[in-house]
Amino acid sequence: MEKIKSLLLPLALVFAAIAVFEFGARYGATNMRAYAIASELQFPLNIYEQAGESMDARSKETFATMIDNGIAVGSMHRNIWYLKKDARAKLDKVLARAFSARGDATCERFANMQNSEDLPSFNKNKLSEICAAVDQAKIELAEAPSSIE
């Protein structure tokens, strides 16, 4: 028993160091992912806004799908509580632009997917989480446009 007691403190310190490192890595990765989502959404959004009128229907639908997927990912990601203010502001700015470009079409797309009979219940539950996050993001970003810019 005495041999085990002498190992407990170093073992506790090792586990504490692992926990601190894991939290720091998760925090940093989450913030970098917010920047990545925002920058990934900017490219199709720029094309959709600039060349949307001259695109054929298939190309326009492809870019709209890319933007809607980015909106869904960004809306889910902005609900993480330890997201840094700068990362969240960048994400919110791009999401606000995407919502203004797409209008209510994003919400309608996810609502139509949710009403589909072909989806299993797990996917419907995840889709309902996505719809709630998109609706929440749209409301919050519409209410506070001055804090985004």
C-alpha atoms as a PDB file:
ATOM      1  CA  MET A   1       0.000   0.000   0.000  1.00  0.00           C
ATOM      2  CA  GLU A   2       2.876   2.366   0.788  1.00  0.00           C
ATOM      3  CA  LYS A   3       4.286   1.911  -2.723  1.00  0.00           C
ATOM      4  CA  ILE A   4       0.951   2.859  -4.257  1.00  0.00           C
ATOM      5  CA  LYS A   5       0.631   5.969  -2.079  1.00  0.00           C
ATOM      6  CA  SER A   6       3.947   7.295  -3.339  1.00  0.00           C
ATOM      7  CA  LEU A   7       2.727   6.941  -6.948  1.00  0.00           C
ATOM      8  CA  LEU A   8      -0.627   8.660  -6.478  1.00  0.00           C
ATOM      9  CA  LEU A   9       0.592  12.267  -6.491  1.00  0.00           C
ATOM     10  CA  PRO A  10       2.724  11.939  -9.663  1.00  0.00           C
ATOM     11  CA  LEU A  11      -0.083  10.041 -11.359  1.00  0.00           C
ATOM     12  CA  ALA A  12      -2.583  12.752 -10.405  1.00  0.00           C
ATOM     13  CA  LEU A  13      -0.240  15.423 -11.782  1.00  0.00           C
ATOM     14  CA  VAL A  14       0.122  13.539 -15.065  1.00  0.00           C
ATOM     15  CA  PHE A  15      -3.655  13.242 -15.453  1.00  0.00           C
ATOM     16  CA  ALA A  16      -4.109  16.926 -14.583  1.00  0.00           C
ATOM     17  CA  ALA A  17      -1.548  17.915 -17.222  1.00  0.00           C
ATOM     18  CA  ILE A  18      -3.316  15.762 -19.801  1.00  0.00           C
ATOM     19  CA  ALA A  19      -6.662  17.352 -18.936  1.00  0.00           C
ATOM     20  CA  VAL A  20      -5.258  20.892 -19.224  1.00  0.00           C
ATOM     21  CA  PHE A  21      -3.574  20.082 -22.544  1.00  0.00           C
ATOM     22  CA  GLU A  22      -6.754  18.484 -23.910  1.00  0.00           C
ATOM     23  CA  PHE A  23      -8.866  21.506 -22.952  1.00  0.00           C
ATOM     24  CA  GLY A  24      -6.380  23.888 -24.551  1.00  0.00           C
ATOM     25  CA  ALA A  25      -6.217  21.855 -27.736  1.00  0.00           C
ATOM     26  CA  ARG A  26      -9.994  21.627 -27.939  1.00  0.00           C
ATOM     27  CA  TYR A  27     -10.400  25.363 -27.306  1.00  0.00           C
ATOM     28  CA  GLY A  28      -7.847  26.299 -29.965  1.00  0.00           C
ATOM     29  CA  ALA A  29      -9.187  23.839 -32.508  1.00  0.00           C
ATOM     30  CA  THR A  30     -12.746  25.054 -32.015  1.00  0.00           C
ATOM     31  CA  ASN A  31     -11.767  28.657 -32.671  1.00  0.00           C
ATOM     32  CA  MET A  32      -9.695  27.742 -35.716  1.00  0.00           C
ATOM     33  CA  ARG A  33     -12.605  25.698 -37.041  1.00  0.00           C
ATOM     34  CA  ALA A  34     -14.853  28.769 -36.778  1.00  0.00           C
ATOM     35  CA  TYR A  35     -12.399  30.720 -38.931  1.00  0.00           C
ATOM     36  CA  ALA A  36     -12.212  27.816 -41.382  1.00  0.00           C
ATOM     37  CA  ILE A  37     -16.006  27.566 -41.678  1.00  0.00           C
ATOM     38  CA  ALA A  38     -16.236  31.310 -42.312  1.00  0.00           C
ATOM     39  CA  SER A  39     -13.554  31.271 -44.991  1.00  0.00           C
ATOM     40  CA  GLU A  40     -14.982  28.153 -46.656  1.00  0.00           C
ATOM     41  CA  LEU A  41     -18.373  29.844 -46.840  1.00  0.00           C
ATOM     42  CA  GLN A  42     -16.993  33.054 -48.350  1.00  0.00           C
ATOM     43  CA  PHE A  43     -15.922  31.540 -51.689  1.00  0.00           C
ATOM     44  CA  PRO A  44     -19.278  30.126 -52.829  1.00  0.00           C
ATOM     45  CA  LEU A  45     -21.021  33.142 -51.316  1.00  0.00           C
ATOM     46  CA  ASN A  46     -18.906  35.568 -53.367  1.00  0.00           C
ATOM     47  CA  ILE A  47     -19.617  33.648 -56.563  1.00  0.00           C
ATOM     48  CA  TYR A  48     -23.326  33.363 -55.766  1.00  0.00           C
ATOM     49  CA  GLU A  49     -23.613  37.087 -55.089  1.00  0.00           C
ATOM     50  CA  GLN A  50     -21.530  38.260 -58.050  1.00  0.00           C
ATOM     51  CA  ALA A  51     -22.535  35.835 -60.783  1.00  0.00           C
ATOM     52  CA  GLY A  52     -25.881  34.555 -59.519  1.00  0.00           C
ATOM     53  CA  GLU A  53     -27.907  36.323 -62.166  1.00  0.00           C
ATOM     54  CA  SER A  54     -25.884  34.944 -65.062  1.00  0.00           C
ATOM     55  CA  MET A  55     -25.642  31.334 -63.805  1.00  0.00           C
ATOM     56  CA  ASP A  56     -27.675  28.515 -65.222  1.00  0.00           C
ATOM     57  CA  ALA A  57     -30.156  26.828 -62.886  1.00  0.00           C
ATOM     58  CA  ARG A  58     -27.964  23.803 -62.150  1.00  0.00           C
ATOM     59  CA  SER A  59     -24.914  25.885 -61.206  1.00  0.00           C
ATOM     60  CA  LYS A  60     -27.019  28.216 -59.104  1.00  0.00           C
ATOM     61  CA  GLU A  61     -28.515  25.237 -57.244  1.00  0.00           C
ATOM     62  CA  THR A  62     -25.039  23.795 -56.647  1.00  0.00           C
ATOM     63  CA  PHE A  63     -23.768  27.022 -55.113  1.00  0.00           C
ATOM     64  CA  ALA A  64     -26.985  27.442 -53.117  1.00  0.00           C
ATOM     65  CA  THR A  65     -26.493  23.950 -51.679  1.00  0.00           C
ATOM     66  CA  MET A  66     -22.894  24.749 -50.756  1.00  0.00           C
ATOM     67  CA  ILE A  67     -23.993  27.957 -49.039  1.00  0.00           C
ATOM     68  CA  ASP A  68     -26.851  26.228 -47.201  1.00  0.00           C
ATOM     69  CA  ASN A  69     -24.497  23.531 -45.939  1.00  0.00           C
ATOM     70  CA  GLY A  70     -22.078  26.201 -44.763  1.00  0.00           C
ATOM     71  CA  ILE A  71     -24.898  28.022 -43.011  1.00  0.00           C
ATOM     72  CA  ALA A  72     -25.915  24.806 -41.248  1.00  0.00           C
ATOM     73  CA  VAL A  73     -22.371  24.032 -40.104  1.00  0.00           C
ATOM     74  CA  GLY A  74     -21.738  27.605 -39.016  1.00  0.00           C
ATOM     75  CA  SER A  75     -25.046  27.848 -37.168  1.00  0.00           C
ATOM     76  CA  MET A  76     -24.325  24.666 -35.249  1.00  0.00           C
ATOM     77  CA  HIS A  77     -20.740  25.735 -34.515  1.00  0.00           C
ATOM     78  CA  ARG A  78     -21.629  29.182 -33.187  1.00  0.00           C
ATOM     79  CA  ASN A  79     -23.527  27.569 -30.274  1.00  0.00           C
ATOM     80  CA  ILE A  80     -20.316  26.263 -28.676  1.00  0.00           C
ATOM     81  CA  TRP A  81     -19.923  28.069 -25.368  1.00  0.00           C
ATOM     82  CA  TYR A  82     -16.132  28.399 -25.407  1.00  0.00           C
ATOM     83  CA  LEU A  83     -15.943  30.008 -28.846  1.00  0.00           C
ATOM     84  CA  LYS A  84     -13.783  33.123 -28.665  1.00  0.00           C
ATOM     85  CA  LYS A  85     -15.355  36.531 -29.413  1.00  0.00           C
ATOM     86  CA  ASP A  86     -13.183  37.215 -32.467  1.00  0.00           C
ATOM     87  CA  ALA A  87     -13.871  33.829 -34.021  1.00  0.00           C
ATOM     88  CA  ARG A  88     -17.588  34.140 -33.338  1.00  0.00           C
ATOM     89  CA  ALA A  89     -17.674  37.675 -34.782  1.00  0.00           C
ATOM     90  CA  LYS A  90     -16.007  36.498 -38.002  1.00  0.00           C
ATOM     91  CA  LEU A  91     -18.427  33.575 -38.258  1.00  0.00           C
ATOM     92  CA  ASP A  92     -21.420  35.801 -37.524  1.00  0.00           C
ATOM     93  CA  LYS A  93     -20.367  38.324 -40.176  1.00  0.00           C
ATOM     94  CA  VAL A  94     -20.182  35.686 -42.899  1.00  0.00           C
ATOM     95  CA  LEU A  95     -23.393  33.998 -41.721  1.00  0.00           C
ATOM     96  CA  ALA A  96     -25.250  37.314 -41.821  1.00  0.00           C
ATOM     97  CA  ARG A  97     -24.100  37.820 -45.412  1.00  0.00           C
ATOM     98  CA  ALA A  98     -25.142  34.289 -46.303  1.00  0.00           C
ATOM     99  CA  PHE A  99     -28.572  34.735 -44.741  1.00  0.00           C
ATOM    100  CA  SER A 100     -29.087  37.978 -46.646  1.00  0.00           C
ATOM    101  CA  ALA A 101     -28.052  36.311 -49.917  1.00  0.00           C
ATOM    102  CA  ARG A 102     -30.170  33.201 -49.456  1.00  0.00           C
ATOM    103  CA  GLY A 103     -33.170  34.674 -47.644  1.00  0.00           C
ATOM    104  CA  ASP A 104     -35.616  32.110 -46.304  1.00  0.00           C
ATOM    105  CA  ALA A 105     -34.539  29.483 -48.829  1.00  0.00           C
ATOM    106  CA  THR A 106     -32.119  27.878 -46.362  1.00  0.00           C
ATOM    107  CA  CYS A 107     -34.795  27.386 -43.716  1.00  0.00           C
ATOM    108  CA  GLU A 108     -37.212  26.065 -46.335  1.00  0.00           C
ATOM    109  CA  ARG A 109     -34.615  23.579 -47.632  1.00  0.00           C
ATOM    110  CA  PHE A 110     -34.018  22.093 -44.192  1.00  0.00           C
ATOM    111  CA  ALA A 111     -37.741  22.067 -43.383  1.00  0.00           C
ATOM    112  CA  ASN A 112     -38.425  20.144 -46.601  1.00  0.00           C
ATOM    113  CA  MET A 113     -35.666  17.683 -45.756  1.00  0.00           C
ATOM    114  CA  GLN A 114     -37.092  17.235 -42.287  1.00  0.00           C
ATOM    115  CA  ASN A 115     -40.556  16.422 -43.676  1.00  0.00           C
ATOM    116  CA  SER A 116     -39.150  13.747 -45.969  1.00  0.00           C
ATOM    117  CA  GLU A 117     -40.413  10.218 -45.356  1.00  0.00           C
ATOM    118  CA  ASP A 118     -37.122   8.609 -46.420  1.00  0.00           C
ATOM    119  CA  LEU A 119     -35.019   9.777 -43.484  1.00  0.00           C
ATOM    120  CA  PRO A 120     -34.414   7.508 -40.487  1.00  0.00           C
ATOM    121  CA  SER A 121     -35.369   8.880 -37.076  1.00  0.00           C
ATOM    122  CA  PHE A 122     -31.738   9.545 -36.099  1.00  0.00           C
ATOM    123  CA  ASN A 123     -31.272  11.781 -39.122  1.00  0.00           C
ATOM    124  CA  LYS A 124     -34.573  13.544 -38.420  1.00  0.00           C
ATOM    125  CA  ASN A 125     -33.448  14.284 -34.864  1.00  0.00           C
ATOM    126  CA  LYS A 126     -30.113  15.668 -36.076  1.00  0.00           C
ATOM    127  CA  LEU A 127     -31.909  17.620 -38.788  1.00  0.00           C
ATOM    128  CA  SER A 128     -34.251  19.137 -36.215  1.00  0.00           C
ATOM    129  CA  GLU A 129     -31.167  20.267 -34.221  1.00  0.00           C
ATOM    130  CA  ILE A 130     -29.769  21.844 -37.382  1.00  0.00           C
ATOM    131  CA  CYS A 131     -33.082  23.585 -38.156  1.00  0.00           C
ATOM    132  CA  ALA A 132     -33.260  24.968 -34.627  1.00  0.00           C
ATOM    133  CA  ALA A 133     -29.671  26.243 -34.816  1.00  0.00           C
ATOM    134  CA  VAL A 134     -30.272  27.840 -38.230  1.00  0.00           C
ATOM    135  CA  ASP A 135     -33.481  29.511 -37.034  1.00  0.00           C
ATOM    136  CA  GLN A 136     -31.763  30.749 -33.858  1.00  0.00           C
ATOM    137  CA  ALA A 137     -28.788  32.106 -35.809  1.00  0.00           C
ATOM    138  CA  LYS A 138     -31.049  33.838 -38.317  1.00  0.00           C
ATOM    139  CA  ILE A 139     -33.050  35.523 -35.553  1.00  0.00           C
ATOM    140  CA  GLU A 140     -29.986  36.562 -33.539  1.00  0.00           C
ATOM    141  CA  LEU A 141     -28.126  37.902 -36.560  1.00  0.00           C
ATOM    142  CA  ALA A 142     -31.187  39.809 -37.784  1.00  0.00           C
ATOM    143  CA  GLU A 143     -31.681  41.425 -34.379  1.00  0.00           C
ATOM    144  CA  ALA A 144     -28.093  42.613 -33.871  1.00  0.00           C
ATOM    145  CA  PRO A 145     -26.605  43.690 -37.220  1.00  0.00           C
ATOM    146  CA  SER A 146     -24.546  46.504 -35.681  1.00  0.00           C
ATOM    147  CA  SER A 147     -22.535  44.177 -33.452  1.00  0.00           C
ATOM    148  CA  ILE A 148     -21.529  42.037 -36.449  1.00  0.00           C
ATOM    149  CA  GLU A 149     -19.857  44.785 -38.419  1.00  0.00           C
END
